[in-house]
Amino acid sequence: MTRLRTVVAVALLLAASPSFAAKKALATAERIDVNRASVVELMRLPGVGRKKAEAIAAHRVRAPFRRLEDLLSVKGVSPSWLEKQRPHLTAGPPSPVTSGPPARPRP
């Protein structure tokens, strides 16, 4: 019975390992560009889960971030959160995908 519990515990840990792998810690000088980072990359920020990362990604589709303070318009982002994350963030030029509506094909 004890062996069965051990096997089940190991199996559960192995099943959960992909979610642990997605949360790879940031290096000391590493910065995440809020205009270009994927949801998974945004989730690497300390204290950022899928919901907040998706909110950031959804907001930048409507209006790319010109400066880090623009993140305050995202639901769930507070001034104190922004100050804690500031060393890990940058707001570079928006990627072509998030810079506006898709181009219309020429006739």
Protein backbone atom coordinates (compact mmCIF):
# COMPACT_ATOMS: atom_id res chain seq x y z
CA MET A 1 0.00 0.00 0.00
CA THR A 2 2.85 2.42 0.84
CA ARG A 3 4.54 1.59 -2.45
CA LEU A 4 1.32 2.35 -4.32
CA ARG A 5 1.06 5.74 -2.63
CA THR A 6 4.65 6.51 -3.62
CA VAL A 7 3.99 5.55 -7.23
CA VAL A 8 0.85 7.70 -7.32
CA ALA A 9 2.70 10.66 -5.78
CA VAL A 10 5.51 10.39 -8.34
CA ALA A 11 3.00 10.13 -11.17
CA LEU A 12 1.21 13.27 -9.98
CA LEU A 13 4.49 15.18 -9.78
CA LEU A 14 5.46 14.11 -13.28
CA ALA A 15 2.06 15.15 -14.61
CA ALA A 16 2.45 18.59 -13.02
CA SER A 17 6.00 19.13 -14.27
CA PRO A 18 5.04 20.94 -17.53
CA SER A 19 3.42 23.71 -15.48
CA PHE A 20 6.53 23.97 -13.32
CA ALA A 21 8.72 24.16 -16.43
CA ALA A 22 6.71 27.11 -17.78
CA LYS A 23 7.54 29.11 -14.65
CA LYS A 24 11.29 29.33 -15.32
CA ALA A 25 12.77 32.04 -13.10
CA LEU A 26 14.16 35.22 -14.65
CA ALA A 27 17.89 35.83 -14.65
CA THR A 28 19.07 38.83 -12.63
CA ALA A 29 19.45 41.22 -15.57
CA GLU A 30 16.75 39.65 -17.77
CA ARG A 31 13.87 41.90 -18.82
CA ILE A 32 10.53 41.04 -20.39
CA ASP A 33 9.18 43.31 -23.14
CA VAL A 34 5.48 43.80 -22.35
CA ASN A 35 4.72 44.60 -26.00
CA ARG A 36 6.27 41.45 -27.44
CA ALA A 37 6.26 38.77 -24.73
CA SER A 38 3.99 35.76 -25.01
CA VAL A 39 1.60 34.84 -22.21
CA VAL A 40 4.02 32.12 -21.07
CA GLU A 41 6.90 34.60 -20.99
CA LEU A 42 4.82 37.10 -18.98
CA MET A 43 4.01 34.32 -16.52
CA ARG A 44 7.73 34.10 -15.72
CA LEU A 45 7.43 37.39 -13.84
CA PRO A 46 7.25 36.91 -10.07
CA GLY A 47 3.64 36.70 -8.93
CA VAL A 48 2.11 36.70 -12.43
CA GLY A 49 -0.31 33.93 -13.26
CA ARG A 50 -2.09 33.07 -16.47
CA LYS A 51 -5.01 35.44 -15.83
CA LYS A 52 -2.87 38.56 -15.37
CA ALA A 53 -0.55 37.59 -18.25
CA GLU A 54 -3.56 37.16 -20.56
CA ALA A 55 -4.97 40.52 -19.42
CA ILE A 56 -1.68 42.24 -20.31
CA ALA A 57 -1.53 40.52 -23.72
CA ALA A 58 -5.19 41.37 -24.47
CA HIS A 59 -4.74 45.02 -23.51
CA ARG A 60 -1.73 45.57 -25.76
CA VAL A 61 -3.73 44.37 -28.78
CA ARG A 62 -6.03 47.37 -28.31
CA ALA A 63 -3.30 49.82 -27.30
CA PRO A 64 0.43 48.94 -27.16
CA PHE A 65 2.27 50.12 -24.07
CA ARG A 66 4.29 53.28 -24.76
CA ARG A 67 5.75 53.29 -21.24
CA LEU A 68 5.58 50.96 -18.26
CA GLU A 69 3.08 53.19 -16.46
CA ASP A 70 0.54 52.31 -19.17
CA LEU A 71 0.31 48.88 -17.53
CA LEU A 72 -1.74 50.53 -14.77
CA SER A 73 -4.74 50.53 -17.13
CA VAL A 74 -4.74 46.70 -17.11
CA LYS A 75 -7.19 45.17 -14.65
CA GLY A 76 -5.29 43.67 -11.73
CA VAL A 77 -2.18 45.81 -12.11
CA SER A 78 -1.59 48.16 -9.20
CA PRO A 79 1.10 50.82 -8.65
CA SER A 80 2.77 48.63 -6.02
CA TRP A 81 2.78 45.63 -8.39
CA LEU A 82 4.33 47.77 -11.12
CA GLU A 83 7.09 49.03 -8.82
CA LYS A 84 7.98 45.46 -7.79
CA GLN A 85 8.08 44.32 -11.43
CA ARG A 86 9.80 47.41 -12.90
CA PRO A 87 13.33 45.91 -12.79
CA HIS A 88 12.08 42.99 -14.89
CA LEU A 89 10.10 44.96 -17.48
CA THR A 90 10.65 47.00 -20.59
CA ALA A 91 8.20 48.54 -23.08
CA GLY A 92 9.82 48.31 -26.47
CA PRO A 93 8.21 49.07 -29.81
CA PRO A 94 5.06 47.05 -30.39
CA SER A 95 5.31 43.94 -32.48
CA PRO A 96 3.65 44.07 -35.90
CA VAL A 97 0.95 41.71 -34.64
CA THR A 98 -0.14 44.08 -31.85
CA SER A 99 0.30 47.39 -33.65
CA GLY A 100 -3.24 47.69 -34.98
CA PRO A 101 -5.78 46.07 -37.27
CA PRO A 102 -4.53 43.67 -39.93
CA ALA A 103 -3.55 45.11 -43.27
CA ARG A 104 -6.17 44.88 -45.99
CA PRO A 105 -5.18 42.88 -49.06
CA ARG A 106 -4.70 44.94 -52.20
CA PRO A 107 -7.04 44.21 -55.09
